[in-house]
Amino acid sequence: MLLRITVFGTAVQLVLAHALTGLGLPGVALAPALAMAVQCAGLMVPLRRTRPQEEGTPASGVRAR
């Protein structure tokens, strides 16, 4: 899953860098930031589908004594 999101984000970054070259260096520097935003948004979709943790149990699944 992470590999697919990373490859997609890289493709988005390359397309954005090419499209934003008209803005000069700021446009090319904006491309990685926008691609990272796309990657983070893409990662949120599978994370929302996971089962929520029950109240009182730590996220790691290890119970405190």
PDB file of N, CA and C in Angstrom:
ATOM      1  N   MET A   1       0.818  -1.179   0.000  1.00  0.00           N
ATOM      2  CA  MET A   1       0.000   0.000   0.000  1.00  0.00           C
ATOM      3  C   MET A   1       0.870   1.254   0.000  1.00  0.00           C
ATOM      4  N   LEU A   2       1.872   1.294   0.876  1.00  0.00           N
ATOM      5  CA  LEU A   2       2.726   2.473   0.933  1.00  0.00           C
ATOM      6  C   LEU A   2       3.528   2.669  -0.349  1.00  0.00           C
ATOM      7  N   LEU A   3       3.924   1.563  -0.971  1.00  0.00           N
ATOM      8  CA  LEU A   3       4.674   1.671  -2.214  1.00  0.00           C
ATOM      9  C   LEU A   3       3.821   2.313  -3.303  1.00  0.00           C
ATOM     10  N   ARG A   4       2.552   1.897  -3.400  1.00  0.00           N
ATOM     11  CA  ARG A   4       1.662   2.477  -4.410  1.00  0.00           C
ATOM     12  C   ARG A   4       1.456   3.964  -4.175  1.00  0.00           C
ATOM     13  N   ILE A   5       1.283   4.356  -2.925  1.00  0.00           N
ATOM     14  CA  ILE A   5       1.087   5.778  -2.610  1.00  0.00           C
ATOM     15  C   ILE A   5       2.353   6.568  -2.929  1.00  0.00           C
ATOM     16  N   THR A   6       3.513   5.996  -2.628  1.00  0.00           N
ATOM     17  CA  THR A   6       4.780   6.677  -2.910  1.00  0.00           C
ATOM     18  C   THR A   6       5.008   6.839  -4.408  1.00  0.00           C
ATOM     19  N   VAL A   7       4.740   5.796  -5.165  1.00  0.00           N
ATOM     20  CA  VAL A   7       4.919   5.870  -6.626  1.00  0.00           C
ATOM     21  C   VAL A   7       3.946   6.884  -7.219  1.00  0.00           C
ATOM     22  N   PHE A   8       2.704   6.865  -6.755  1.00  0.00           N
ATOM     23  CA  PHE A   8       1.721   7.835  -7.243  1.00  0.00           C
ATOM     24  C   PHE A   8       2.150   9.260  -6.894  1.00  0.00           C
ATOM     25  N   GLY A   9       2.637   9.466  -5.672  1.00  0.00           N
ATOM     26  CA  GLY A   9       3.097  10.796  -5.264  1.00  0.00           C
ATOM     27  C   GLY A   9       4.279  11.268  -6.090  1.00  0.00           C
ATOM     28  N   THR A  10       5.173  10.357  -6.444  1.00  0.00           N
ATOM     29  CA  THR A  10       6.313  10.711  -7.293  1.00  0.00           C
ATOM     30  C   THR A  10       5.846  11.117  -8.682  1.00  0.00           C
ATOM     31  N   ALA A  11       4.881  10.386  -9.219  1.00  0.00           N
ATOM     32  CA  ALA A  11       4.340  10.737 -10.533  1.00  0.00           C
ATOM     33  C   ALA A  11       3.658  12.102 -10.491  1.00  0.00           C
ATOM     34  N   VAL A  12       2.907  12.358  -9.430  1.00  0.00           N
ATOM     35  CA  VAL A  12       2.254  13.663  -9.278  1.00  0.00           C
ATOM     36  C   VAL A  12       3.296  14.767  -9.176  1.00  0.00           C
ATOM     37  N   GLN A  13       4.362  14.503  -8.448  1.00  0.00           N
ATOM     38  CA  GLN A  13       5.411  15.514  -8.292  1.00  0.00           C
ATOM     39  C   GLN A  13       6.064  15.847  -9.630  1.00  0.00           C
ATOM     40  N   LEU A  14       6.340  14.841 -10.435  1.00  0.00           N
ATOM     41  CA  LEU A  14       6.966  15.095 -11.733  1.00  0.00           C
ATOM     42  C   LEU A  14       6.053  15.890 -12.652  1.00  0.00           C
ATOM     43  N   VAL A  15       4.778  15.537 -12.658  1.00  0.00           N
ATOM     44  CA  VAL A  15       3.819  16.263 -13.496  1.00  0.00           C
ATOM     45  C   VAL A  15       3.682  17.703 -13.015  1.00  0.00           C
ATOM     46  N   LEU A  16       3.569  17.882 -11.703  1.00  0.00           N
ATOM     47  CA  LEU A  16       3.452  19.240 -11.166  1.00  0.00           C
ATOM     48  C   LEU A  16       4.704  20.067 -11.423  1.00  0.00           C
ATOM     49  N   ALA A  17       5.869  19.473 -11.280  1.00  0.00           N
ATOM     50  CA  ALA A  17       7.113  20.211 -11.527  1.00  0.00           C
ATOM     51  C   ALA A  17       7.167  20.685 -12.970  1.00  0.00           C
ATOM     52  N   HIS A  18       6.736  19.839 -13.881  1.00  0.00           N
ATOM     53  CA  HIS A  18       6.724  20.228 -15.293  1.00  0.00           C
ATOM     54  C   HIS A  18       5.677  21.317 -15.538  1.00  0.00           C
ATOM     55  N   ALA A  19       4.506  21.160 -14.928  1.00  0.00           N
ATOM     56  CA  ALA A  19       3.433  22.128 -15.143  1.00  0.00           C
ATOM     57  C   ALA A  19       3.719  23.480 -14.498  1.00  0.00           C
ATOM     58  N   LEU A  20       4.436  23.476 -13.390  1.00  0.00           N
ATOM     59  CA  LEU A  20       4.679  24.719 -12.658  1.00  0.00           C
ATOM     60  C   LEU A  20       6.006  25.388 -13.006  1.00  0.00           C
ATOM     61  N   THR A  21       6.693  24.906 -14.024  1.00  0.00           N
ATOM     62  CA  THR A  21       7.972  25.525 -14.400  1.00  0.00           C
ATOM     63  C   THR A  21       7.775  26.953 -14.894  1.00  0.00           C
ATOM     64  N   GLY A  22       6.577  27.272 -15.332  1.00  0.00           N
ATOM     65  CA  GLY A  22       6.303  28.640 -15.771  1.00  0.00           C
ATOM     66  C   GLY A  22       6.426  29.647 -14.632  1.00  0.00           C
ATOM     67  N   LEU A  23       6.292  29.199 -13.407  1.00  0.00           N
ATOM     68  CA  LEU A  23       6.435  30.075 -12.248  1.00  0.00           C
ATOM     69  C   LEU A  23       7.887  30.213 -11.815  1.00  0.00           C
ATOM     70  N   GLY A  24       8.773  29.513 -12.483  1.00  0.00           N
ATOM     71  CA  GLY A  24      10.184  29.557 -12.129  1.00  0.00           C
ATOM     72  C   GLY A  24      10.507  28.632 -10.970  1.00  0.00           C
ATOM     73  N   LEU A  25      11.552  28.975 -10.236  1.00  0.00           N
ATOM     74  CA  LEU A  25      11.989  28.142  -9.114  1.00  0.00           C
ATOM     75  C   LEU A  25      10.912  27.970  -8.040  1.00  0.00           C
ATOM     76  N   PRO A  26      10.153  29.009  -7.706  1.00  0.00           N
ATOM     77  CA  PRO A  26       9.090  28.794  -6.712  1.00  0.00           C
ATOM     78  C   PRO A  26       8.068  27.747  -7.161  1.00  0.00           C
ATOM     79  N   GLY A  27       7.768  27.694  -8.435  1.00  0.00           N
ATOM     80  CA  GLY A  27       6.831  26.695  -8.943  1.00  0.00           C
ATOM     81  C   GLY A  27       7.383  25.289  -8.830  1.00  0.00           C
ATOM     82  N   VAL A  28       8.654  25.143  -9.139  1.00  0.00           N
ATOM     83  CA  VAL A  28       9.292  23.822  -9.032  1.00  0.00           C
ATOM     84  C   VAL A  28       9.404  23.412  -7.565  1.00  0.00           C
ATOM     85  N   ALA A  29       9.643  24.364  -6.668  1.00  0.00           N
ATOM     86  CA  ALA A  29       9.720  24.059  -5.242  1.00  0.00           C
ATOM     87  C   ALA A  29       8.338  23.753  -4.661  1.00  0.00           C
ATOM     88  N   LEU A  30       7.295  24.292  -5.268  1.00  0.00           N
ATOM     89  CA  LEU A  30       5.935  24.036  -4.808  1.00  0.00           C
ATOM     90  C   LEU A  30       5.483  22.617  -5.148  1.00  0.00           C
ATOM     91  N   ALA A  31       6.034  22.051  -6.198  1.00  0.00           N
ATOM     92  CA  ALA A  31       5.632  20.714  -6.645  1.00  0.00           C
ATOM     93  C   ALA A  31       5.819  19.641  -5.575  1.00  0.00           C
ATOM     94  N   PRO A  32       6.956  19.553  -4.886  1.00  0.00           N
ATOM     95  CA  PRO A  32       7.087  18.518  -3.848  1.00  0.00           C
ATOM     96  C   PRO A  32       6.114  18.725  -2.684  1.00  0.00           C
ATOM     97  N   ALA A  33       5.845  19.978  -2.341  1.00  0.00           N
ATOM     98  CA  ALA A  33       4.910  20.237  -1.245  1.00  0.00           C
ATOM     99  C   ALA A  33       3.508  19.772  -1.610  1.00  0.00           C
ATOM    100  N   LEU A  34       3.083  20.055  -2.812  1.00  0.00           N
ATOM    101  CA  LEU A  34       1.762  19.619  -3.250  1.00  0.00           C
ATOM    102  C   LEU A  34       1.693  18.100  -3.396  1.00  0.00           C
ATOM    103  N   ALA A  35       2.777  17.510  -3.884  1.00  0.00           N
ATOM    104  CA  ALA A  35       2.805  16.049  -4.019  1.00  0.00           C
ATOM    105  C   ALA A  35       2.748  15.382  -2.648  1.00  0.00           C
ATOM    106  N   MET A  36       3.403  15.956  -1.656  1.00  0.00           N
ATOM    107  CA  MET A  36       3.338  15.411  -0.300  1.00  0.00           C
ATOM    108  C   MET A  36       1.930  15.518   0.258  1.00  0.00           C
ATOM    109  N   ALA A  37       1.244  16.612  -0.047  1.00  0.00           N
ATOM    110  CA  ALA A  37      -0.144  16.753   0.396  1.00  0.00           C
ATOM    111  C   ALA A  37      -1.026  15.672  -0.235  1.00  0.00           C
ATOM    112  N   VAL A  38      -0.774  15.371  -1.494  1.00  0.00           N
ATOM    113  CA  VAL A  38      -1.532  14.309  -2.170  1.00  0.00           C
ATOM    114  C   VAL A  38      -1.227  12.966  -1.529  1.00  0.00           C
ATOM    115  N   GLN A  39       0.035  12.717  -1.195  1.00  0.00           N
ATOM    116  CA  GLN A  39       0.405  11.451  -0.553  1.00  0.00           C
ATOM    117  C   GLN A  39      -0.248  11.318   0.819  1.00  0.00           C
ATOM    118  N   CYS A  40      -0.258  12.385   1.589  1.00  0.00           N
ATOM    119  CA  CYS A  40      -0.884  12.331   2.917  1.00  0.00           C
ATOM    120  C   CYS A  40      -2.385  12.096   2.795  1.00  0.00           C
ATOM    121  N   ALA A  41      -3.007  12.762   1.834  1.00  0.00           N
ATOM    122  CA  ALA A  41      -4.440  12.551   1.622  1.00  0.00           C
ATOM    123  C   ALA A  41      -4.704  11.118   1.162  1.00  0.00           C
ATOM    124  N   GLY A  42      -3.840  10.594   0.318  1.00  0.00           N
ATOM    125  CA  GLY A  42      -4.000   9.221  -0.145  1.00  0.00           C
ATOM    126  C   GLY A  42      -3.808   8.209   0.959  1.00  0.00           C
ATOM    127  N   LEU A  43      -2.996   8.528   1.942  1.00  0.00           N
ATOM    128  CA  LEU A  43      -2.766   7.624   3.060  1.00  0.00           C
ATOM    129  C   LEU A  43      -3.931   7.642   4.042  1.00  0.00           C
ATOM    130  N   MET A  44      -4.644   8.743   4.102  1.00  0.00           N
ATOM    131  CA  MET A  44      -5.763   8.848   5.035  1.00  0.00           C
ATOM    132  C   MET A  44      -6.919   7.928   4.644  1.00  0.00           C
ATOM    133  N   VAL A  45      -7.085   7.654   3.364  1.00  0.00           N
ATOM    134  CA  VAL A  45      -8.196   6.802   2.917  1.00  0.00           C
ATOM    135  C   VAL A  45      -8.085   5.397   3.510  1.00  0.00           C
ATOM    136  N   PRO A  46      -6.961   4.700   3.363  1.00  0.00           N
ATOM    137  CA  PRO A  46      -6.887   3.357   3.967  1.00  0.00           C
ATOM    138  C   PRO A  46      -6.905   3.385   5.497  1.00  0.00           C
ATOM    139  N   LEU A  47      -6.365   4.446   6.092  1.00  0.00           N
ATOM    140  CA  LEU A  47      -6.339   4.516   7.552  1.00  0.00           C
ATOM    141  C   LEU A  47      -7.734   4.691   8.130  1.00  0.00           C
ATOM    142  N   ARG A  48      -8.611   5.364   7.428  1.00  0.00           N
ATOM    143  CA  ARG A  48      -9.980   5.534   7.909  1.00  0.00           C
ATOM    144  C   ARG A  48     -10.757   4.227   7.859  1.00  0.00           C
ATOM    145  N   ARG A  49     -10.351   3.338   6.976  1.00  0.00           N
ATOM    146  CA  ARG A  49     -11.058   2.066   6.826  1.00  0.00           C
ATOM    147  C   ARG A  49     -10.701   1.067   7.916  1.00  0.00           C
ATOM    148  N   THR A  50      -9.628   1.336   8.654  1.00  0.00           N
ATOM    149  CA  THR A  50      -9.229   0.415   9.711  1.00  0.00           C
ATOM    150  C   THR A  50     -10.190   0.534  10.880  1.00  0.00           C
ATOM    151  N   ARG A  51     -10.272  -0.522  11.643  1.00  0.00           N
ATOM    152  CA  ARG A  51     -11.180  -0.559  12.782  1.00  0.00           C
ATOM    153  C   ARG A  51     -10.683   0.384  13.868  1.00  0.00           C
ATOM    154  N   PRO A  52     -11.554   1.223  14.408  1.00  0.00           N
ATOM    155  CA  PRO A  52     -11.111   2.128  15.485  1.00  0.00           C
ATOM    156  C   PRO A  52     -10.778   1.343  16.748  1.00  0.00           C
ATOM    157  N   GLN A  53      -9.856   1.866  17.517  1.00  0.00           N
ATOM    158  CA  GLN A  53      -9.448   1.229  18.769  1.00  0.00           C
ATOM    159  C   GLN A  53     -10.541   1.416  19.816  1.00  0.00           C
ATOM    160  N   GLU A  54     -10.696   0.426  20.675  1.00  0.00           N
ATOM    161  CA  GLU A  54     -11.644   0.546  21.773  1.00  0.00           C
ATOM    162  C   GLU A  54     -11.106   1.527  22.801  1.00  0.00           C
ATOM    163  N   GLU A  55     -12.013   2.172  23.509  1.00  0.00           N
ATOM    164  CA  GLU A  55     -11.587   3.111  24.540  1.00  0.00           C
ATOM    165  C   GLU A  55     -10.873   2.380  25.663  1.00  0.00           C
ATOM    166  N   GLY A  56      -9.800   2.964  26.152  1.00  0.00           N
ATOM    167  CA  GLY A  56      -9.079   2.381  27.262  1.00  0.00           C
ATOM    168  C   GLY A  56      -7.941   1.458  26.856  1.00  0.00           C
ATOM    169  N   THR A  57      -7.845   1.111  25.574  1.00  0.00           N
ATOM    170  CA  THR A  57      -6.727   0.269  25.137  1.00  0.00           C
ATOM    171  C   THR A  57      -5.757   1.135  24.359  1.00  0.00           C
ATOM    172  N   PRO A  58      -4.490   0.986  24.613  1.00  0.00           N
ATOM    173  CA  PRO A  58      -3.501   1.768  23.880  1.00  0.00           C
ATOM    174  C   PRO A  58      -3.472   1.358  22.406  1.00  0.00           C
ATOM    175  N   ALA A  59      -3.002   2.267  21.572  1.00  0.00           N
ATOM    176  CA  ALA A  59      -2.962   2.016  20.131  1.00  0.00           C
ATOM    177  C   ALA A  59      -2.042   0.842  19.779  1.00  0.00           C
ATOM    178  N   SER A  60      -1.035   0.581  20.603  1.00  0.00           N
ATOM    179  CA  SER A  60      -0.105  -0.502  20.302  1.00  0.00           C
ATOM    180  C   SER A  60      -0.693  -1.860  20.598  1.00  0.00           C
ATOM    181  N   GLY A  61      -1.785  -1.903  21.322  1.00  0.00           N
ATOM    182  CA  GLY A  61      -2.404  -3.183  21.654  1.00  0.00           C
ATOM    183  C   GLY A  61      -1.837  -3.819  22.911  1.00  0.00           C
ATOM    184  N   VAL A  62      -0.843  -3.176  23.514  1.00  0.00           N
ATOM    185  CA  VAL A  62      -0.237  -3.692  24.749  1.00  0.00           C
ATOM    186  C   VAL A  62      -0.951  -3.051  25.928  1.00  0.00           C
ATOM    187  N   ARG A  63      -1.413  -3.882  26.825  1.00  0.00           N
ATOM    188  CA  ARG A  63      -2.149  -3.356  27.987  1.00  0.00           C
ATOM    189  C   ARG A  63      -1.187  -2.952  29.100  1.00  0.00           C
ATOM    190  N   ALA A  64      -1.506  -1.863  29.757  1.00  0.00           N
ATOM    191  CA  ALA A  64      -0.703  -1.431  30.902  1.00  0.00           C
ATOM    192  C   ALA A  64      -1.060  -2.282  32.111  1.00  0.00           C
ATOM    193  N   ARG A  65      -0.080  -2.525  32.979  1.00  0.00           N
ATOM    194  CA  ARG A  65      -0.324  -3.330  34.190  1.00  0.00           C
ATOM    195  C   ARG A  65      -0.611  -2.461  35.363  1.00  0.00           C
TER     196      ARG A  65
END
